[in-house]
PDB file of N, CA and C in Angstrom:
ATOM      1  N   MET A   1    -180.861  98.165-103.642  1.00  0.00           N
ATOM      2  CA  MET A   1    -179.929  97.155-103.181  1.00  0.00           C
ATOM      3  C   MET A   1    -179.636  96.149-104.283  1.00  0.00           C
ATOM      4  N   LEU A   2    -180.637  95.778-105.037  1.00  0.00           N
ATOM      5  CA  LEU A   2    -180.443  94.834-106.125  1.00  0.00           C
ATOM      6  C   LEU A   2    -179.504  95.398-107.177  1.00  0.00           C
ATOM      7  N   ASP A   3    -179.606  96.712-107.437  1.00  0.00           N
ATOM      8  CA  ASP A   3    -178.730  97.334-108.418  1.00  0.00           C
ATOM      9  C   ASP A   3    -177.264  97.288-107.954  1.00  0.00           C
ATOM     10  N   THR A   4    -177.034  97.485-106.670  1.00  0.00           N
ATOM     11  CA  THR A   4    -175.673  97.437-106.129  1.00  0.00           C
ATOM     12  C   THR A   4    -175.103  96.036-106.279  1.00  0.00           C
ATOM     13  N   GLU A   5    -175.882  95.023-105.951  1.00  0.00           N
ATOM     14  CA  GLU A   5    -175.420  93.639-106.067  1.00  0.00           C
ATOM     15  C   GLU A   5    -175.131  93.289-107.521  1.00  0.00           C
ATOM     16  N   THR A   6    -175.992  93.702-108.423  1.00  0.00           N
ATOM     17  CA  THR A   6    -175.789  93.461-109.852  1.00  0.00           C
ATOM     18  C   THR A   6    -174.535  94.167-110.337  1.00  0.00           C
ATOM     19  N   SER A   7    -174.306  95.387-109.859  1.00  0.00           N
ATOM     20  CA  SER A   7    -173.125  96.151-110.234  1.00  0.00           C
ATOM     21  C   SER A   7    -171.850  95.468-109.742  1.00  0.00           C
ATOM     22  N   ILE A   8    -171.871  94.971-108.518  1.00  0.00           N
ATOM     23  CA  ILE A   8    -170.706  94.285-107.960  1.00  0.00           C
ATOM     24  C   ILE A   8    -170.418  93.024-108.763  1.00  0.00           C
ATOM     25  N   GLN A   9    -171.464  92.255-109.091  1.00  0.00           N
ATOM     26  CA  GLN A   9    -171.273  91.045-109.882  1.00  0.00           C
ATOM     27  C   GLN A   9    -170.688  91.381-111.250  1.00  0.00           C
ATOM     28  N   SER A  10    -171.171  92.456-111.851  1.00  0.00           N
ATOM     29  CA  SER A  10    -170.668  92.879-113.148  1.00  0.00           C
ATOM     30  C   SER A  10    -169.197  93.268-113.054  1.00  0.00           C
ATOM     31  N   ASN A  11    -168.831  94.002-112.002  1.00  0.00           N
ATOM     32  CA  ASN A  11    -167.428  94.399-111.799  1.00  0.00           C
ATOM     33  C   ASN A  11    -166.531  93.180-111.587  1.00  0.00           C
ATOM     34  N   VAL A  12    -167.022  92.204-110.856  1.00  0.00           N
ATOM     35  CA  VAL A  12    -166.254  90.986-110.608  1.00  0.00           C
ATOM     36  C   VAL A  12    -166.016  90.262-111.929  1.00  0.00           C
ATOM     37  N   ARG A  13    -167.054  90.118-112.716  1.00  0.00           N
ATOM     38  CA  ARG A  13    -166.916  89.448-114.013  1.00  0.00           C
ATOM     39  C   ARG A  13    -165.949  90.203-114.919  1.00  0.00           C
ATOM     40  N   GLN A  14    -166.062  91.514-114.944  1.00  0.00           N
ATOM     41  CA  GLN A  14    -165.175  92.327-115.785  1.00  0.00           C
ATOM     42  C   GLN A  14    -163.721  92.189-115.328  1.00  0.00           C
ATOM     43  N   SER A  15    -163.513  92.198-114.024  1.00  0.00           N
ATOM     44  CA  SER A  15    -162.152  92.040-113.493  1.00  0.00           C
ATOM     45  C   SER A  15    -161.574  90.687-113.877  1.00  0.00           C
ATOM     46  N   LEU A  16    -162.387  89.651-113.755  1.00  0.00           N
ATOM     47  CA  LEU A  16    -161.918  88.320-114.140  1.00  0.00           C
ATOM     48  C   LEU A  16    -161.602  88.250-115.629  1.00  0.00           C
ATOM     49  N   ILE A  17    -162.450  88.828-116.451  1.00  0.00           N
ATOM     50  CA  ILE A  17    -162.229  88.822-117.897  1.00  0.00           C
ATOM     51  C   ILE A  17    -160.930  89.541-118.230  1.00  0.00           C
ATOM     52  N   GLN A  18    -160.678  90.669-117.592  1.00  0.00           N
ATOM     53  CA  GLN A  18    -159.443  91.413-117.840  1.00  0.00           C
ATOM     54  C   GLN A  18    -158.215  90.582-117.446  1.00  0.00           C
ATOM     55  N   GLU A  19    -158.298  89.921-116.307  1.00  0.00           N
ATOM     56  CA  GLU A  19    -157.179  89.083-115.869  1.00  0.00           C
ATOM     57  C   GLU A  19    -156.974  87.905-116.814  1.00  0.00           C
ATOM     58  N   ILE A  20    -158.069  87.296-117.238  1.00  0.00           N
ATOM     59  CA  ILE A  20    -157.988  86.158-118.153  1.00  0.00           C
ATOM     60  C   ILE A  20    -157.309  86.564-119.454  1.00  0.00           C
ATOM     61  N   GLU A  21    -157.663  87.728-119.976  1.00  0.00           N
ATOM     62  CA  GLU A  21    -157.098  88.185-121.241  1.00  0.00           C
ATOM     63  C   GLU A  21    -155.596  88.425-121.149  1.00  0.00           C
ATOM     64  N   GLN A  22    -155.074  88.623-119.948  1.00  0.00           N
ATOM     65  CA  GLN A  22    -153.646  88.910-119.761  1.00  0.00           C
ATOM     66  C   GLN A  22    -152.860  87.689-119.272  1.00  0.00           C
ATOM     67  N   THR A  23    -153.490  86.538-119.279  1.00  0.00           N
ATOM     68  CA  THR A  23    -152.883  85.348-118.693  1.00  0.00           C
ATOM     69  C   THR A  23    -152.651  84.286-119.767  1.00  0.00           C
ATOM     70  N   SER A  24    -151.527  83.593-119.658  1.00  0.00           N
ATOM     71  CA  SER A  24    -151.196  82.552-120.637  1.00  0.00           C
ATOM     72  C   SER A  24    -152.151  81.364-120.511  1.00  0.00           C
ATOM     73  N   ASP A  25    -152.264  80.606-121.596  1.00  0.00           N
ATOM     74  CA  ASP A  25    -153.125  79.423-121.592  1.00  0.00           C
ATOM     75  C   ASP A  25    -152.673  78.405-120.553  1.00  0.00           C
ATOM     76  N   TYR A  26    -151.362  78.284-120.377  1.00  0.00           N
ATOM     77  CA  TYR A  26    -150.842  77.344-119.389  1.00  0.00           C
ATOM     78  C   TYR A  26    -151.359  77.689-117.991  1.00  0.00           C
ATOM     79  N   LEU A  27    -151.248  78.957-117.621  1.00  0.00           N
ATOM     80  CA  LEU A  27    -151.719  79.374-116.294  1.00  0.00           C
ATOM     81  C   LEU A  27    -153.238  79.295-116.208  1.00  0.00           C
ATOM     82  N   LEU A  28    -153.919  79.596-117.302  1.00  0.00           N
ATOM     83  CA  LEU A  28    -155.380  79.512-117.299  1.00  0.00           C
ATOM     84  C   LEU A  28    -155.853  78.080-117.049  1.00  0.00           C
ATOM     85  N   SER A  29    -155.100  77.100-117.525  1.00  0.00           N
ATOM     86  CA  SER A  29    -155.507  75.717-117.274  1.00  0.00           C
ATOM     87  C   SER A  29    -155.461  75.416-115.777  1.00  0.00           C
ATOM     88  N   GLU A  30    -154.476  75.969-115.077  1.00  0.00           N
ATOM     89  CA  GLU A  30    -154.391  75.797-113.623  1.00  0.00           C
ATOM     90  C   GLU A  30    -155.555  76.504-112.923  1.00  0.00           C
ATOM     91  N   VAL A  31    -155.864  77.707-113.380  1.00  0.00           N
ATOM     92  CA  VAL A  31    -156.965  78.476-112.786  1.00  0.00           C
ATOM     93  C   VAL A  31    -158.291  77.765-113.040  1.00  0.00           C
ATOM     94  N   LEU A  32    -158.462  77.225-114.246  1.00  0.00           N
ATOM     95  CA  LEU A  32    -159.689  76.486-114.554  1.00  0.00           C
ATOM     96  C   LEU A  32    -159.824  75.278-113.637  1.00  0.00           C
ATOM     97  N   ASP A  33    -158.731  74.543-113.433  1.00  0.00           N
ATOM     98  CA  ASP A  33    -158.776  73.412-112.515  1.00  0.00           C
ATOM     99  C   ASP A  33    -159.225  73.858-111.127  1.00  0.00           C
ATOM    100  N   PHE A  34    -158.681  74.980-110.669  1.00  0.00           N
ATOM    101  CA  PHE A  34    -159.052  75.472-109.347  1.00  0.00           C
ATOM    102  C   PHE A  34    -160.525  75.892-109.296  1.00  0.00           C
ATOM    103  N   LEU A  35    -160.981  76.594-110.338  1.00  0.00           N
ATOM    104  CA  LEU A  35    -162.380  77.017-110.387  1.00  0.00           C
ATOM    105  C   LEU A  35    -163.317  75.811-110.355  1.00  0.00           C
ATOM    106  N   LEU A  36    -162.996  74.792-111.121  1.00  0.00           N
ATOM    107  CA  LEU A  36    -163.823  73.584-111.122  1.00  0.00           C
ATOM    108  C   LEU A  36    -163.802  72.909-109.755  1.00  0.00           C
ATOM    109  N   PHE A  37    -162.643  72.937-109.102  1.00  0.00           N
ATOM    110  CA  PHE A  37    -162.543  72.392-107.751  1.00  0.00           C
ATOM    111  C   PHE A  37    -163.448  73.162-106.785  1.00  0.00           C
ATOM    112  N   VAL A  38    -163.384  74.478-106.840  1.00  0.00           N
ATOM    113  CA  VAL A  38    -164.192  75.304-105.936  1.00  0.00           C
ATOM    114  C   VAL A  38    -165.676  75.061-106.190  1.00  0.00           C
ATOM    115  N   ARG A  39    -166.065  75.017-107.454  1.00  0.00           N
ATOM    116  CA  ARG A  39    -167.473  74.766-107.769  1.00  0.00           C
ATOM    117  C   ARG A  39    -167.910  73.399-107.254  1.00  0.00           C
ATOM    118  N   ALA A  40    -167.068  72.385-107.421  1.00  0.00           N
ATOM    119  CA  ALA A  40    -167.407  71.051-106.938  1.00  0.00           C
ATOM    120  C   ALA A  40    -167.481  71.031-105.417  1.00  0.00           C
ATOM    121  N   LYS A  41    -166.589  71.770-104.786  1.00  0.00           N
ATOM    122  CA  LYS A  41    -166.570  71.833-103.326  1.00  0.00           C
ATOM    123  C   LYS A  41    -167.882  72.404-102.786  1.00  0.00           C
ATOM    124  N   HIS A  42    -168.450  73.330-103.518  1.00  0.00           N
ATOM    125  CA  HIS A  42    -169.654  73.999-103.055  1.00  0.00           C
ATOM    126  C   HIS A  42    -170.934  73.410-103.624  1.00  0.00           C
ATOM    127  N   SER A  43    -170.813  72.296-104.270  1.00  0.00           N
ATOM    128  CA  SER A  43    -171.986  71.604-104.796  1.00  0.00           C
ATOM    129  C   SER A  43    -171.986  70.192-104.241  1.00  0.00           C
ATOM    130  N   GLN A  44    -173.164  69.690-104.058  1.00  0.00           N
ATOM    131  CA  GLN A  44    -173.270  68.323-103.565  1.00  0.00           C
ATOM    132  C   GLN A  44    -174.401  67.654-104.320  1.00  0.00           C
ATOM    133  N   VAL A  45    -174.163  66.453-104.775  1.00  0.00           N
ATOM    134  CA  VAL A  45    -175.188  65.717-105.502  1.00  0.00           C
ATOM    135  C   VAL A  45    -175.745  64.644-104.583  1.00  0.00           C
ATOM    136  N   GLU A  46    -177.068  64.631-104.464  1.00  0.00           N
ATOM    137  CA  GLU A  46    -177.735  63.614-103.670  1.00  0.00           C
ATOM    138  C   GLU A  46    -178.329  62.575-104.608  1.00  0.00           C
ATOM    139  N   ILE A  47    -178.154  61.335-104.251  1.00  0.00           N
ATOM    140  CA  ILE A  47    -178.740  60.255-105.027  1.00  0.00           C
ATOM    141  C   ILE A  47    -179.822  59.627-104.160  1.00  0.00           C
ATOM    142  N   LYS A  48    -181.050  59.671-104.655  1.00  0.00           N
ATOM    143  CA  LYS A  48    -182.168  59.129-103.896  1.00  0.00           C
ATOM    144  C   LYS A  48    -182.951  58.172-104.790  1.00  0.00           C
ATOM    145  N   ALA A  49    -182.957  56.915-104.419  1.00  0.00           N
ATOM    146  CA  ALA A  49    -183.759  55.898-105.094  1.00  0.00           C
ATOM    147  C   ALA A  49    -183.668  55.983-106.618  1.00  0.00           C
ATOM    148  N   GLY A  50    -182.470  56.120-107.128  1.00  0.00           N
ATOM    149  CA  GLY A  50    -182.288  56.152-108.575  1.00  0.00           C
ATOM    150  C   GLY A  50    -182.535  57.506-109.205  1.00  0.00           C
ATOM    151  N   ASN A  51    -183.034  58.475-108.451  1.00  0.00           N
ATOM    152  CA  ASN A  51    -183.235  59.824-108.973  1.00  0.00           C
ATOM    153  C   ASN A  51    -182.049  60.686-108.569  1.00  0.00           C
ATOM    154  N   PHE A  52    -181.646  61.557-109.458  1.00  0.00           N
ATOM    155  CA  PHE A  52    -180.521  62.439-109.180  1.00  0.00           C
ATOM    156  C   PHE A  52    -181.051  63.846-108.936  1.00  0.00           C
ATOM    157  N   ALA A  53    -180.681  64.411-107.801  1.00  0.00           N
ATOM    158  CA  ALA A  53    -181.088  65.777-107.484  1.00  0.00           C
ATOM    159  C   ALA A  53    -179.840  66.560-107.110  1.00  0.00           C
ATOM    160  N   SER A  54    -179.681  67.713-107.678  1.00  0.00           N
ATOM    161  CA  SER A  54    -178.516  68.542-107.392  1.00  0.00           C
ATOM    162  C   SER A  54    -178.880  69.555-106.319  1.00  0.00           C
ATOM    163  N   VAL A  55    -178.091  69.566-105.252  1.00  0.00           N
ATOM    164  CA  VAL A  55    -178.307  70.498-104.160  1.00  0.00           C
ATOM    165  C   VAL A  55    -177.009  71.271-103.973  1.00  0.00           C
ATOM    166  N   GLU A  56    -177.085  72.582-103.973  1.00  0.00           N
ATOM    167  CA  GLU A  56    -175.884  73.390-103.822  1.00  0.00           C
ATOM    168  C   GLU A  56    -175.812  73.966-102.413  1.00  0.00           C
ATOM    169  N   PHE A  57    -174.630  73.879-101.830  1.00  0.00           N
ATOM    170  CA  PHE A  57    -174.383  74.445-100.511  1.00  0.00           C
ATOM    171  C   PHE A  57    -173.250  75.455-100.636  1.00  0.00           C
ATOM    172  N   TYR A  58    -173.465  76.638-100.168  1.00  0.00           N
ATOM    173  CA  TYR A  58    -172.423  77.666-100.186  1.00  0.00           C
ATOM    174  C   TYR A  58    -172.130  78.030 -98.746  1.00  0.00           C
ATOM    175  N   ASP A  59    -170.974  77.584 -98.284  1.00  0.00           N
ATOM    176  CA  ASP A  59    -170.632  77.864 -96.900  1.00  0.00           C
ATOM    177  C   ASP A  59    -169.715  79.073 -96.765  1.00  0.00           C
ATOM    178  N   GLU A  60    -169.343  79.680 -97.891  1.00  0.00           N
ATOM    179  CA  GLU A  60    -168.523  80.881 -97.854  1.00  0.00           C
ATOM    180  C   GLU A  60    -169.174  81.944 -98.728  1.00  0.00           C
ATOM    181  N   PRO A  61    -169.069  83.201 -98.338  1.00  0.00           N
ATOM    182  CA  PRO A  61    -169.644  84.265 -99.167  1.00  0.00           C
ATOM    183  C   PRO A  61    -168.915  84.367-100.510  1.00  0.00           C
ATOM    184  N   GLN A  62    -169.609  84.894-101.505  1.00  0.00           N
ATOM    185  CA  GLN A  62    -169.029  85.032-102.839  1.00  0.00           C
ATOM    186  C   GLN A  62    -167.748  85.847-102.819  1.00  0.00           C
ATOM    187  N   GLU A  63    -167.673  86.840-101.946  1.00  0.00           N
ATOM    188  CA  GLU A  63    -166.481  87.677-101.873  1.00  0.00           C
ATOM    189  C   GLU A  63    -165.260  86.845-101.474  1.00  0.00           C
ATOM    190  N   LYS A  64    -165.444  85.902-100.555  1.00  0.00           N
ATOM    191  CA  LYS A  64    -164.354  85.029-100.112  1.00  0.00           C
ATOM    192  C   LYS A  64    -163.919  84.122-101.258  1.00  0.00           C
ATOM    193  N   ILE A  65    -164.874  83.572-101.973  1.00  0.00           N
ATOM    194  CA  ILE A  65    -164.556  82.708-103.109  1.00  0.00           C
ATOM    195  C   ILE A  65    -163.795  83.497-104.165  1.00  0.00           C
ATOM    196  N   LEU A  66    -164.256  84.715-104.442  1.00  0.00           N
ATOM    197  CA  LEU A  66    -163.579  85.559-105.424  1.00  0.00           C
ATOM    198  C   LEU A  66    -162.161  85.886-104.977  1.00  0.00           C
ATOM    199  N   GLU A  67    -161.981  86.187-103.704  1.00  0.00           N
ATOM    200  CA  GLU A  67    -160.640  86.485-103.195  1.00  0.00           C
ATOM    201  C   GLU A  67    -159.739  85.266-103.335  1.00  0.00           C
ATOM    202  N   ASP A  68    -160.269  84.077-103.064  1.00  0.00           N
ATOM    203  CA  ASP A  68    -159.491  82.850-103.247  1.00  0.00           C
ATOM    204  C   ASP A  68    -159.084  82.680-104.709  1.00  0.00           C
ATOM    205  N   LEU A  69    -160.002  82.979-105.628  1.00  0.00           N
ATOM    206  CA  LEU A  69    -159.681  82.892-107.054  1.00  0.00           C
ATOM    207  C   LEU A  69    -158.606  83.897-107.439  1.00  0.00           C
ATOM    208  N   ARG A  70    -158.722  85.111-106.922  1.00  0.00           N
ATOM    209  CA  ARG A  70    -157.704  86.130-107.207  1.00  0.00           C
ATOM    210  C   ARG A  70    -156.334  85.688-106.698  1.00  0.00           C
ATOM    211  N   GLN A  71    -156.313  85.147-105.485  1.00  0.00           N
ATOM    212  CA  GLN A  71    -155.047  84.683-104.912  1.00  0.00           C
ATOM    213  C   GLN A  71    -154.488  83.533-105.743  1.00  0.00           C
ATOM    214  N   SER A  72    -155.336  82.627-106.180  1.00  0.00           N
ATOM    215  CA  SER A  72    -154.876  81.506-106.995  1.00  0.00           C
ATOM    216  C   SER A  72    -154.327  81.982-108.326  1.00  0.00           C
ATOM    217  N   LEU A  73    -154.987  82.955-108.926  1.00  0.00           N
ATOM    218  CA  LEU A  73    -154.508  83.508-110.186  1.00  0.00           C
ATOM    219  C   LEU A  73    -153.147  84.172-109.979  1.00  0.00           C
ATOM    220  N   GLN A  74    -152.999  84.907-108.895  1.00  0.00           N
ATOM    221  CA  GLN A  74    -151.720  85.551-108.588  1.00  0.00           C
ATOM    222  C   GLN A  74    -150.637  84.498-108.363  1.00  0.00           C
ATOM    223  N   ASP A  75    -150.975  83.439-107.631  1.00  0.00           N
ATOM    224  CA  ASP A  75    -150.009  82.358-107.403  1.00  0.00           C
ATOM    225  C   ASP A  75    -149.583  81.736-108.733  1.00  0.00           C
ATOM    226  N   ALA A  76    -150.556  81.507-109.608  1.00  0.00           N
ATOM    227  CA  ALA A  76    -150.242  80.914-110.911  1.00  0.00           C
ATOM    228  C   ALA A  76    -149.341  81.834-111.725  1.00  0.00           C
ATOM    229  N   LYS A  77    -149.641  83.129-111.721  1.00  0.00           N
ATOM    230  CA  LYS A  77    -148.827  84.091-112.470  1.00  0.00           C
ATOM    231  C   LYS A  77    -147.391  84.130-111.955  1.00  0.00           C
ATOM    232  N   GLU A  78    -147.219  83.936-110.661  1.00  0.00           N
ATOM    233  CA  GLU A  78    -145.890  84.011-110.043  1.00  0.00           C
ATOM    234  C   GLU A  78    -145.205  82.650-109.973  1.00  0.00           C
ATOM    235  N   GLY A  79    -145.826  81.647-110.598  1.00  0.00           N
ATOM    236  CA  GLY A  79    -145.184  80.332-110.669  1.00  0.00           C
ATOM    237  C   GLY A  79    -145.345  79.472-109.442  1.00  0.00           C
ATOM    238  N   ARG A  80    -146.177  79.879-108.519  1.00  0.00           N
ATOM    239  CA  ARG A  80    -146.406  79.073-107.317  1.00  0.00           C
ATOM    240  C   ARG A  80    -147.520  78.062-107.614  1.00  0.00           C
ATOM    241  N   VAL A  81    -147.172  77.062-108.416  1.00  0.00           N
ATOM    242  CA  VAL A  81    -148.140  76.050-108.833  1.00  0.00           C
ATOM    243  C   VAL A  81    -147.553  74.662-108.599  1.00  0.00           C
ATOM    244  N   HIS A  82    -148.413  73.676-108.583  1.00  0.00           N
ATOM    245  CA  HIS A  82    -148.017  72.282-108.440  1.00  0.00           C
ATOM    246  C   HIS A  82    -148.512  71.524-109.660  1.00  0.00           C
ATOM    247  N   ASP A  83    -147.728  70.578-110.105  1.00  0.00           N
ATOM    248  CA  ASP A  83    -148.143  69.732-111.214  1.00  0.00           C
ATOM    249  C   ASP A  83    -149.339  68.910-110.754  1.00  0.00           C
ATOM    250  N   ILE A  84    -150.445  69.074-111.425  1.00  0.00           N
ATOM    251  CA  ILE A  84    -151.688  68.421-110.984  1.00  0.00           C
ATOM    252  C   ILE A  84    -151.566  66.900-111.013  1.00  0.00           C
ATOM    253  N   SER A  85    -150.712  66.364-111.872  1.00  0.00           N
ATOM    254  CA  SER A  85    -150.553  64.911-111.928  1.00  0.00           C
ATOM    255  C   SER A  85    -149.951  64.360-110.635  1.00  0.00           C
ATOM    256  N   LEU A  86    -149.263  65.200-109.870  1.00  0.00           N
ATOM    257  CA  LEU A  86    -148.654  64.753-108.618  1.00  0.00           C
ATOM    258  C   LEU A  86    -149.658  64.650-107.472  1.00  0.00           C
ATOM    259  N   LEU A  87    -150.833  65.223-107.650  1.00  0.00           N
ATOM    260  CA  LEU A  87    -151.824  65.204-106.573  1.00  0.00           C
ATOM    261  C   LEU A  87    -152.258  63.787-106.207  1.00  0.00           C
ATOM    262  N   TRP A  88    -152.203  62.870-107.177  1.00  0.00           N
ATOM    263  CA  TRP A  88    -152.685  61.510-106.947  1.00  0.00           C
ATOM    264  C   TRP A  88    -151.563  60.549-106.552  1.00  0.00           C
ATOM    265  N   ASP A  89    -150.325  61.015-106.497  1.00  0.00           N
ATOM    266  CA  ASP A  89    -149.220  60.134-106.119  1.00  0.00           C
ATOM    267  C   ASP A  89    -149.459  59.559-104.731  1.00  0.00           C
ATOM    268  N   GLY A  90    -149.348  58.260-104.626  1.00  0.00           N
ATOM    269  CA  GLY A  90    -149.498  57.590-103.342  1.00  0.00           C
ATOM    270  C   GLY A  90    -150.934  57.361-102.905  1.00  0.00           C
ATOM    271  N   ILE A  91    -151.894  57.705-103.755  1.00  0.00           N
ATOM    272  CA  ILE A  91    -153.305  57.497-103.412  1.00  0.00           C
ATOM    273  C   ILE A  91    -153.849  56.366-104.273  1.00  0.00           C
ATOM    274  N   ASP A  92    -154.325  55.331-103.628  1.00  0.00           N
ATOM    275  CA  ASP A  92    -154.936  54.210-104.345  1.00  0.00           C
ATOM    276  C   ASP A  92    -156.435  54.410-104.372  1.00  0.00           C
ATOM    277  N   VAL A  93    -156.966  54.449-105.575  1.00  0.00           N
ATOM    278  CA  VAL A  93    -158.414  54.672-105.723  1.00  0.00           C
ATOM    279  C   VAL A  93    -159.086  53.391-106.115  1.00  0.00           C
TER     280      VAL A  93
END
């Protein structure tokens, strides 16, 4: 079973590498933003009495996350993207 899981992970990485090699830097910047968003979404930092502890929560299976990444990459390739600078319009921080 461990070999199957390792094989699937290897195939996923290889597929991503192949897609990355065929994608423009402009689109890759959008995909990177999305990947960082997904990673942040699935990580949570707890602050306790001045000590920092990182706790990760994964509420979706890896296959779902990978499918979301594939869909985002496809959207980026087809021009279905939003200017990231517009995300903060109208939000006072």
